[in-house]
């Protein structure tokens, strides 16, 4: 660094190494120019989508589509970034017609890198984050303004369509599920009612309160049997009290009448007793019948409870489906359409080439500086005084000489070197004496 003590030394170095500096600068400028020409301008366009709140408050009419909007939008983004969807969009906008030999994998990768979907979370209500997104920004970057605008708009429209279709489909599937469950429960209750009716008919319980009726009927039959017993006793007394002194034919006729009445009473009593036995036998099996009926009743109550719940859910699902179908629930709307970019986002070619030229010139100066450092030569009287400590008596400028003059100049240089050596020796002796 001692050889660059002043601005004049720097100018002198530049003059000596001007060839190297110009060569490096020229090569750098050419390389920068080719690099700038090889660069492709990129354009960027963004479309902004707002996640609008439902038109009808959830407390009044709740949608069946549940979950945070951030999670739903994440699922939509995953669907948009699938391989088939990206290739379809690339063919639709002819994104890579200039490179027909490009592989599909590279096309998919470039489109994924070119499109970004960014959501802005809504303001929190309280201290919990419910995952609600208020604004969704879709940004596309491509080598032409038309393609950048088309990509951003297409991804935005597909996002809106997928969101609406997925919500309607989810609401429809929910409604279909509850309708099918309701139909199953109604069918099960109908089958149960048929089983109960058949069981009642089989056990003679077709009339409500059949068991109580049987008990009442047995009591009535017992009363009738007692009445028959009383009449029989009365007839038997009449038979024993017949006048035996009357004519034989009359006595015989009276006896026959009483015996006929006794026979009728006996038949009636037998019939009533048989009925009582039948009813009594039915009453003996009534606890098992009652238990079976209780099982039927509990099953019906359970099915009815499930049916009430399913019917309520089905009604809510119908309301939710109507909300989604009429676009009354949460929806996506474009609040800022993708504009056609006016200027590229990349650095201009002129600026790139100019920066390359400046950097090349700076590298040339650095190269010249390094070359001088590798060959440290005393070139000025000031450098000699600083580095050696002796002021030169005379300085010989560089001259263009002939061969003889160069030989004489070499002899002079040798003599000058001897003089410098003697001067150094004398200076060292003076320093010793002073010490």
Protein backbone atom coordinates (compact mmCIF):
# COMPACT_ATOMS: atom_id res chain seq x y z
CA UNK A 1 0.00 0.00 0.00
CA UNK A 2 3.02 2.30 0.39
CA UNK A 3 3.24 2.76 -3.36
CA UNK A 4 -0.20 4.49 -3.42
CA UNK A 5 0.48 7.45 -1.21
CA UNK A 6 -1.26 10.08 -3.29
CA UNK A 7 -3.84 10.56 -5.98
CA UNK A 8 -1.03 11.05 -8.51
CA UNK A 9 0.30 7.56 -7.69
CA UNK A 10 -3.18 6.14 -8.36
CA UNK A 11 -3.42 7.97 -11.68
CA UNK A 12 0.07 6.73 -12.56
CA UNK A 13 -0.97 3.15 -11.78
CA UNK A 14 -4.06 3.52 -13.96
CA UNK A 15 -1.97 4.79 -16.83
CA UNK A 16 0.48 1.91 -16.51
CA UNK A 17 -2.26 -0.74 -16.31
CA UNK A 18 -4.72 0.92 -18.66
CA UNK A 19 -4.55 -1.97 -21.08
CA UNK A 20 -5.52 -4.52 -18.44
CA UNK A 21 -8.30 -2.30 -17.10
CA UNK A 22 -9.75 -1.68 -20.55
CA UNK A 23 -9.57 -5.37 -21.47
CA UNK A 24 -11.38 -6.50 -18.32
CA UNK A 25 -13.93 -3.69 -18.67
CA UNK A 26 -14.60 -4.56 -22.30
CA UNK A 27 -15.02 -8.26 -21.57
CA UNK A 28 -17.30 -7.49 -18.63
CA UNK A 29 -19.44 -5.13 -20.70
CA UNK A 30 -19.85 -7.74 -23.43
CA UNK A 31 -20.77 -10.41 -20.86
CA UNK A 32 -23.21 -8.01 -19.15
CA UNK A 33 -24.81 -7.16 -22.46
CA UNK A 34 -25.34 -10.82 -23.34
CA UNK A 35 -26.66 -11.51 -19.85
CA UNK A 36 -29.10 -8.60 -20.05
CA UNK A 37 -30.33 -9.71 -23.46
CA UNK A 38 -30.85 -13.25 -22.20
CA UNK A 39 -33.02 -12.10 -19.29
CA UNK A 40 -36.82 -12.44 -19.62
CA UNK A 41 -39.09 -9.74 -18.28
CA UNK A 42 -41.63 -10.91 -15.70
CA UNK A 43 -45.03 -9.31 -15.15
CA UNK A 44 -47.19 -9.61 -12.05
CA UNK A 45 -50.94 -9.33 -11.59
CA UNK A 46 -53.11 -9.89 -8.51
CA UNK A 47 -56.83 -10.47 -8.01
CA UNK A 48 -58.33 -9.84 -4.58
CA UNK A 49 -61.27 -11.91 -3.27
CA UNK A 50 -63.29 -10.99 -0.21
CA UNK A 51 -64.78 -13.67 2.03
CA UNK A 52 -68.21 -12.10 2.62
CA UNK A 53 -70.23 -12.96 5.70
CA UNK A 54 -73.68 -14.62 5.41
CA UNK A 55 -76.58 -12.35 4.49
CA UNK A 56 -78.71 -14.01 7.18
CA UNK A 57 -77.33 -14.26 10.69
CA UNK A 58 -76.32 -17.74 11.82
CA UNK A 59 -78.50 -17.46 14.91
CA UNK A 60 -81.58 -17.13 12.69
CA UNK A 61 -80.69 -19.59 9.93
CA UNK A 62 -77.55 -21.65 10.38
CA UNK A 63 -75.69 -23.20 7.47
CA UNK A 64 -74.84 -26.89 7.63
CA UNK A 65 -71.35 -26.19 6.23
CA UNK A 66 -69.12 -26.07 9.30
CA UNK A 67 -65.43 -25.43 9.87
CA UNK A 68 -63.12 -22.41 9.52
CA UNK A 69 -62.83 -20.57 6.22
CA UNK A 70 -59.03 -20.87 6.40
CA UNK A 71 -59.23 -24.66 6.34
CA UNK A 72 -61.75 -24.67 3.48
CA UNK A 73 -59.59 -22.28 1.45
CA UNK A 74 -56.56 -24.48 2.12
CA UNK A 75 -58.42 -27.48 0.71
CA UNK A 76 -59.42 -25.39 -2.33
CA UNK A 77 -55.78 -24.38 -2.88
CA UNK A 78 -54.75 -28.03 -2.78
CA UNK A 79 -57.34 -28.85 -5.44
CA UNK A 80 -56.19 -25.95 -7.62
CA UNK A 81 -52.54 -26.99 -7.41
CA UNK A 82 -53.12 -30.56 -8.57
CA UNK A 83 -51.19 -31.73 -11.61
CA UNK A 84 -54.22 -32.20 -13.89
CA UNK A 85 -55.68 -28.79 -13.06
CA UNK A 86 -52.40 -26.98 -13.71
CA UNK A 87 -51.85 -28.75 -17.04
CA UNK A 88 -55.40 -27.90 -18.07
CA UNK A 89 -54.86 -24.21 -17.29
CA UNK A 90 -51.48 -24.23 -19.04
CA UNK A 91 -53.10 -25.59 -22.21
CA UNK A 92 -56.01 -23.16 -21.89
CA UNK A 93 -53.75 -20.09 -21.87
CA UNK A 94 -50.98 -21.55 -24.10
CA UNK A 95 -48.40 -20.77 -21.44
CA UNK A 96 -45.62 -22.91 -22.88
CA UNK A 97 -46.28 -22.88 -26.62
CA UNK A 98 -42.83 -21.32 -27.10
CA UNK A 99 -41.27 -24.42 -25.47
CA UNK A 100 -43.15 -27.44 -26.90
CA UNK A 101 -40.47 -29.88 -25.70
CA UNK A 102 -40.82 -28.89 -22.05
CA UNK A 103 -41.74 -31.82 -19.80
CA UNK A 104 -45.06 -31.80 -17.98
CA UNK A 105 -43.32 -31.98 -14.62
CA UNK A 106 -41.39 -28.80 -15.36
CA UNK A 107 -44.56 -27.07 -16.54
CA UNK A 108 -46.37 -27.95 -13.35
CA UNK A 109 -43.42 -26.76 -11.24
CA UNK A 110 -43.19 -23.42 -13.09
CA UNK A 111 -46.90 -22.69 -12.74
CA UNK A 112 -46.84 -23.58 -9.05
CA UNK A 113 -43.92 -21.20 -8.56
CA UNK A 114 -45.66 -18.51 -10.61
CA UNK A 115 -48.96 -18.51 -8.68
CA UNK A 116 -49.31 -17.73 -4.99
CA UNK A 117 -52.46 -17.68 -2.86
CA UNK A 118 -52.27 -15.64 0.32
CA UNK A 119 -55.05 -15.11 2.85
CA UNK A 120 -55.42 -12.32 5.39
CA UNK A 121 -56.96 -13.35 8.71
CA UNK A 122 -60.00 -11.46 9.92
CA UNK A 123 -59.92 -9.42 13.10
CA UNK A 124 -60.34 -11.54 16.20
CA UNK A 125 -63.46 -11.42 18.30
CA UNK A 126 -62.21 -11.76 21.84
CA UNK A 127 -59.05 -13.76 22.56
CA UNK A 128 -59.65 -16.78 20.34
CA UNK A 129 -58.68 -17.23 16.71
CA UNK A 130 -61.55 -18.90 14.85
CA UNK A 131 -59.59 -19.30 11.61
CA UNK A 132 -61.71 -16.81 9.66
CA UNK A 133 -60.17 -15.29 6.53
CA UNK A 134 -61.36 -11.89 5.34
CA UNK A 135 -59.37 -11.35 2.12
CA UNK A 136 -57.74 -13.76 -0.31
CA UNK A 137 -55.11 -12.46 -2.74
CA UNK A 138 -54.15 -14.53 -5.80
CA UNK A 139 -50.95 -13.33 -7.48
CA UNK A 140 -49.57 -14.61 -10.80
CA UNK A 141 -46.11 -13.84 -12.22
CA UNK A 142 -45.33 -14.69 -15.85
CA UNK A 143 -43.35 -13.58 -18.89
CA UNK A 144 -46.19 -11.62 -20.52
CA UNK A 145 -48.78 -9.25 -19.03
CA UNK A 146 -51.68 -11.08 -20.68
CA UNK A 147 -50.64 -14.45 -19.27
CA UNK A 148 -50.09 -13.01 -15.79
CA UNK A 149 -53.53 -11.38 -15.82
CA UNK A 150 -55.21 -14.48 -17.25
CA UNK A 151 -53.61 -16.79 -14.69
CA UNK A 152 -54.60 -14.63 -11.72
CA UNK A 153 -58.18 -14.25 -13.01
CA UNK A 154 -58.55 -17.95 -13.83
CA UNK A 155 -57.31 -19.12 -10.45
CA UNK A 156 -59.63 -16.61 -8.75
CA UNK A 157 -62.67 -17.77 -10.72
CA UNK A 158 -61.87 -21.42 -10.07
CA UNK A 159 -61.46 -20.67 -6.37
CA UNK A 160 -64.91 -19.05 -6.25
CA UNK A 161 -66.50 -21.89 -8.26
CA UNK A 162 -64.91 -24.65 -6.17
CA UNK A 163 -65.92 -22.91 -2.96
CA UNK A 164 -69.57 -22.52 -4.05
CA UNK A 165 -69.82 -26.04 -5.48
CA UNK A 166 -68.20 -27.66 -2.44
CA UNK A 167 -70.52 -25.83 -0.05
CA UNK A 168 -73.62 -26.77 -2.04
CA UNK A 169 -72.44 -30.36 -2.36
CA UNK A 170 -71.76 -30.63 1.36
CA UNK A 171 -75.18 -29.15 2.19
CA UNK A 172 -76.84 -31.53 -0.29
CA UNK A 173 -75.08 -34.58 1.15
CA UNK A 174 -76.06 -33.52 4.67
CA UNK A 175 -79.71 -33.13 3.66
CA UNK A 176 -79.68 -36.46 1.80
CA UNK A 177 -78.23 -38.23 4.83
CA UNK A 178 -80.90 -36.95 7.23
CA UNK A 179 -83.66 -37.69 4.74
CA UNK A 180 -82.48 -41.27 4.35
CA UNK A 181 -82.16 -41.70 8.12
CA UNK A 182 -85.66 -40.31 8.62
CA UNK A 183 -87.07 -42.69 6.00
CA UNK A 184 -85.30 -45.64 7.69
CA UNK A 185 -86.75 -44.77 11.10
CA UNK A 186 -90.26 -44.36 9.67
CA UNK A 187 -89.97 -47.74 7.97
CA UNK A 188 -88.74 -49.36 11.21
CA UNK A 189 -91.67 -47.90 13.12
CA UNK A 190 -94.13 -49.18 10.52
CA UNK A 191 -92.64 -52.68 10.79
CA UNK A 192 -92.82 -52.45 14.59
CA UNK A 193 -96.49 -51.39 14.48
CA UNK A 194 -97.29 -54.37 12.25
CA UNK A 195 -95.50 -56.72 14.66
CA UNK A 196 -97.41 -55.29 17.62
CA UNK A 197 -100.74 -55.66 15.80
CA UNK A 198 -99.98 -59.24 14.84
CA UNK A 199 -98.93 -60.07 18.38
CA UNK A 200 -102.10 -58.54 19.82
CA UNK A 201 -104.24 -60.48 17.37
CA UNK A 202 -102.41 -63.69 18.19
CA UNK A 203 -103.03 -63.14 21.91
CA UNK A 204 -106.55 -61.77 21.53
CA UNK A 205 -105.43 -58.31 22.55
CA UNK A 206 -106.87 -56.46 19.62
CA UNK A 207 -109.00 -54.34 21.99
CA UNK A 208 -107.15 -51.90 24.14
CA UNK A 209 -107.21 -53.06 27.77
CA UNK A 210 -107.81 -56.74 26.81
CA UNK A 211 -106.35 -58.06 30.06
CA UNK A 212 -108.72 -56.00 32.20
CA UNK A 213 -111.61 -57.08 29.97
CA UNK A 214 -110.75 -60.73 30.52
CA UNK A 215 -110.71 -60.29 34.26
CA UNK A 216 -114.09 -58.54 34.16
CA UNK A 217 -115.49 -61.24 31.89
CA UNK A 218 -114.34 -64.00 34.24
CA UNK A 219 -116.08 -62.22 37.09
CA UNK A 220 -119.29 -61.98 35.09
CA UNK A 221 -119.10 -65.65 34.13
CA UNK A 222 -118.57 -66.65 37.74
CA UNK A 223 -121.64 -64.65 38.68
CA UNK A 224 -123.59 -66.45 35.95
CA UNK A 225 -122.38 -69.83 37.23
CA UNK A 226 -123.52 -68.93 40.71
CA UNK A 227 -126.90 -67.99 39.32
CA UNK A 228 -127.16 -71.32 37.55
CA UNK A 229 -126.21 -73.10 40.77
CA UNK A 230 -128.98 -71.29 42.63
CA UNK A 231 -131.53 -72.17 39.95
CA UNK A 232 -130.43 -75.82 40.03
CA UNK A 233 -130.75 -75.96 43.77
CA UNK A 234 -134.19 -74.45 43.47
CA UNK A 235 -135.24 -76.99 40.84
CA UNK A 236 -133.85 -79.85 42.88
CA UNK A 237 -135.90 -78.67 45.87
CA UNK A 238 -138.98 -78.48 43.68
CA UNK A 239 -138.25 -82.01 42.45
CA UNK A 240 -138.10 -83.37 46.00
CA UNK A 241 -141.23 -81.52 47.00
CA UNK A 242 -143.47 -82.88 44.26
CA UNK A 243 -146.84 -84.24 45.41
CA UNK A 244 -146.48 -87.97 45.28
CA UNK A 245 -150.23 -88.49 45.70
CA UNK A 246 -151.20 -87.07 42.36
CA UNK A 247 -151.62 -89.16 39.34
CA UNK A 248 -148.59 -90.97 38.07
CA UNK A 249 -148.69 -89.43 34.59
CA UNK A 250 -148.82 -85.90 36.00
CA UNK A 251 -146.02 -86.64 38.46
CA UNK A 252 -143.91 -88.13 35.71
CA UNK A 253 -144.46 -85.15 33.44
CA UNK A 254 -143.48 -82.70 36.20
CA UNK A 255 -140.36 -84.72 36.99
CA UNK A 256 -139.38 -84.76 33.32
CA UNK A 257 -139.81 -80.99 33.02
CA UNK A 258 -137.67 -80.34 36.09
CA UNK A 259 -134.98 -82.78 34.92
CA UNK A 260 -134.96 -81.12 31.47
CA UNK A 261 -134.42 -77.73 33.10
CA UNK A 262 -131.67 -79.22 35.27
CA UNK A 263 -130.01 -80.64 32.18
CA UNK A 264 -130.15 -77.24 30.45
CA UNK A 265 -128.64 -75.58 33.49
CA UNK A 266 -125.91 -78.20 33.61
CA UNK A 267 -125.06 -77.58 29.95
CA UNK A 268 -125.01 -73.82 30.51
CA UNK A 269 -122.77 -74.26 33.53
CA UNK A 270 -120.40 -76.47 31.58
CA UNK A 271 -120.21 -73.93 28.77
CA UNK A 272 -119.58 -71.07 31.18
CA UNK A 273 -116.98 -73.09 33.06
CA UNK A 274 -115.16 -73.88 29.83
CA UNK A 275 -115.08 -70.19 29.00
CA UNK A 276 -113.80 -69.39 32.46
CA UNK A 277 -111.06 -72.00 32.07
CA UNK A 278 -110.05 -70.50 28.73
CA UNK A 279 -109.91 -66.99 30.13
CA UNK A 280 -108.06 -68.14 33.20
CA UNK A 281 -105.47 -69.90 31.07
CA UNK A 282 -105.01 -66.69 29.06
CA UNK A 283 -104.59 -64.73 32.27
CA UNK A 284 -101.88 -67.13 33.43
CA UNK A 285 -99.79 -66.16 30.34
CA UNK A 286 -100.54 -62.45 30.64
CA UNK A 287 -97.27 -61.47 32.48
CA UNK A 288 -95.14 -62.77 29.56
CA UNK A 289 -97.47 -61.04 27.11
CA UNK A 290 -97.25 -57.82 29.07
CA UNK A 291 -93.45 -57.99 29.14
CA UNK A 292 -93.38 -58.45 25.39
CA UNK A 293 -95.72 -55.52 24.94
CA UNK A 294 -93.49 -53.43 27.19
CA UNK A 295 -90.49 -54.30 25.01
CA UNK A 296 -92.46 -53.23 21.95
CA UNK A 297 -93.41 -49.98 23.66
CA UNK A 298 -89.84 -49.15 24.72
CA UNK A 299 -88.57 -49.89 21.24
CA UNK A 300 -91.20 -47.62 19.77
CA UNK A 301 -90.37 -44.82 22.21
CA UNK A 302 -86.68 -45.10 21.31
CA UNK A 303 -87.41 -44.99 17.59
CA UNK A 304 -89.75 -42.06 18.10
CA UNK A 305 -87.07 -40.13 20.00
CA UNK A 306 -84.52 -40.77 17.25
CA UNK A 307 -87.09 -39.78 14.66
CA UNK A 308 -87.78 -36.50 16.43
CA UNK A 309 -84.06 -35.65 16.50
CA UNK A 310 -83.52 -36.65 12.88
CA UNK A 311 -86.60 -34.71 11.78
CA UNK A 312 -85.25 -31.58 13.49
CA UNK A 313 -81.83 -32.03 11.89
CA UNK A 314 -83.42 -32.68 8.52
CA UNK A 315 -85.37 -29.43 8.78
CA UNK A 316 -82.15 -27.55 9.64
CA UNK A 317 -80.37 -29.23 6.73
CA UNK A 318 -83.14 -28.12 4.37
CA UNK A 319 -82.71 -24.53 5.54
CA UNK A 320 -78.93 -24.77 5.15
CA UNK A 321 -79.26 -26.22 1.66
CA UNK A 322 -81.58 -23.40 0.61
CA UNK A 323 -79.10 -20.86 1.98
CA UNK A 324 -76.26 -22.39 -0.03
CA UNK A 325 -78.37 -22.82 -3.16
CA UNK A 326 -79.53 -19.20 -3.06
CA UNK A 327 -76.03 -17.93 -2.22
CA UNK A 328 -77.21 -16.45 1.08
CA UNK A 329 -74.46 -17.93 3.25
CA UNK A 330 -70.70 -17.22 3.32
CA UNK A 331 -69.52 -16.48 -0.23
CA UNK A 332 -66.46 -15.30 -2.16
CA UNK A 333 -66.68 -12.09 -4.19
CA UNK A 334 -64.07 -10.32 -6.31
CA UNK A 335 -63.41 -6.84 -4.94
CA UNK A 336 -60.39 -6.11 -7.15
CA UNK A 337 -60.06 -7.73 -10.55
CA UNK A 338 -56.63 -8.68 -11.90
CA UNK A 339 -55.29 -5.71 -13.92
CA UNK A 340 -53.14 -5.87 -17.04
CA UNK A 341 -49.58 -5.04 -15.83
CA UNK A 342 -48.09 -1.90 -17.39
CA UNK A 343 -44.47 -2.53 -16.44
CA UNK A 344 -42.37 -5.60 -15.64
CA UNK A 345 -41.29 -6.26 -12.08
CA UNK A 346 -37.79 -7.33 -13.17
CA UNK A 347 -34.82 -4.94 -13.66
CA UNK A 348 -34.59 -3.34 -17.13
CA UNK A 349 -31.97 -4.63 -19.57
CA UNK A 350 -30.31 -1.21 -19.88
CA UNK A 351 -29.90 -0.97 -16.14
CA UNK A 352 -28.51 -4.50 -15.96
CA UNK A 353 -25.97 -3.80 -18.74
CA UNK A 354 -24.92 -0.48 -17.14
CA UNK A 355 -24.44 -2.11 -13.75
CA UNK A 356 -22.39 -4.83 -15.41
CA UNK A 357 -20.17 -2.22 -17.08
CA UNK A 358 -19.57 -0.40 -13.79
CA UNK A 359 -18.77 -3.65 -12.01
CA UNK A 360 -16.40 -4.65 -14.85
CA UNK A 361 -14.52 -1.34 -14.59
CA UNK A 362 -14.23 -1.79 -10.83
CA UNK A 363 -12.90 -5.33 -11.33
CA UNK A 364 -10.36 -3.96 -13.81
CA UNK A 365 -9.10 -1.47 -11.22
CA UNK A 366 -8.87 -4.23 -8.64
CA UNK A 367 -6.90 -6.41 -11.07
CA UNK A 368 -4.49 -3.55 -11.81
CA UNK A 369 -4.05 -2.89 -8.10
CA UNK A 370 -3.32 -6.56 -7.42
CA UNK A 371 -0.74 -6.66 -10.26
CA UNK A 372 1.09 -3.66 -8.77
CA UNK A 373 1.06 -5.25 -5.33
CA UNK A 374 2.65 -8.40 -6.73
CA UNK A 375 5.52 -6.32 -8.21
CA UNK A 376 6.34 -3.60 -5.64
CA UNK A 377 8.72 -1.19 -7.48
CA UNK A 378 9.94 2.24 -6.25
CA UNK A 379 8.71 4.59 -8.89
CA UNK A 380 8.86 8.06 -7.27
CA UNK A 381 11.18 10.03 -4.99
CA UNK A 382 8.49 10.15 -2.32
CA UNK A 383 8.17 6.33 -2.35
CA UNK A 384 11.96 5.98 -2.05
CA UNK A 385 12.13 8.40 0.86
CA UNK A 386 9.24 6.64 2.63
CA UNK A 387 10.40 3.08 2.08
CA UNK A 388 14.24 3.50 2.26
CA UNK A 389 14.58 6.62 4.36
CA UNK A 390 16.98 8.35 1.90
CA UNK A 391 16.08 11.22 -0.35
CA UNK A 392 17.38 10.62 -3.88
CA UNK A 393 19.89 13.08 -5.31
CA UNK A 394 18.56 12.81 -8.81
CA UNK A 395 15.65 11.04 -10.48
CA UNK A 396 15.90 9.69 -13.97
CA UNK A 397 12.62 9.65 -15.85
CA UNK A 398 11.83 6.68 -18.09
CA UNK A 399 13.29 7.28 -21.55
CA UNK A 400 13.01 5.53 -24.83
CA UNK A 401 16.69 4.56 -25.50
CA UNK A 402 18.70 2.56 -27.99
CA UNK A 403 20.59 -0.56 -27.13
CA UNK A 404 23.84 1.35 -26.33
CA UNK A 405 21.95 3.92 -24.32
CA UNK A 406 20.21 1.17 -22.44
CA UNK A 407 23.62 -0.38 -21.65
CA UNK A 408 24.95 2.95 -20.40
CA UNK A 409 21.76 3.46 -18.44
CA UNK A 410 22.26 0.05 -16.84
CA UNK A 411 25.81 1.06 -15.80
CA UNK A 412 24.42 4.27 -14.36
CA UNK A 413 21.84 2.36 -12.44
CA UNK A 414 24.55 0.11 -11.00
CA UNK A 415 26.56 3.14 -9.96
CA UNK A 416 23.46 4.70 -8.46
CA UNK A 417 22.82 1.53 -6.51
CA UNK A 418 26.39 1.60 -5.16
CA UNK A 419 25.91 5.21 -4.17
CA UNK A 420 22.72 4.33 -2.39
CA UNK A 421 24.43 1.47 -0.57
CA UNK A 422 27.29 3.76 0.60
CA UNK A 423 24.77 6.34 1.70
CA UNK A 424 22.91 3.73 3.75
CA UNK A 425 26.22 2.61 5.32
CA UNK A 426 27.16 6.17 6.26
CA UNK A 427 23.72 6.76 7.71
CA UNK A 428 24.05 3.61 9.82
CA UNK A 429 27.47 4.79 11.19
CA UNK A 430 25.98 8.16 12.12
CA UNK A 431 23.14 6.43 13.88
CA UNK A 432 25.63 4.32 15.87
CA UNK A 433 27.65 7.39 16.92
CA UNK A 434 24.51 9.16 18.03
CA UNK A 435 23.53 6.09 20.00
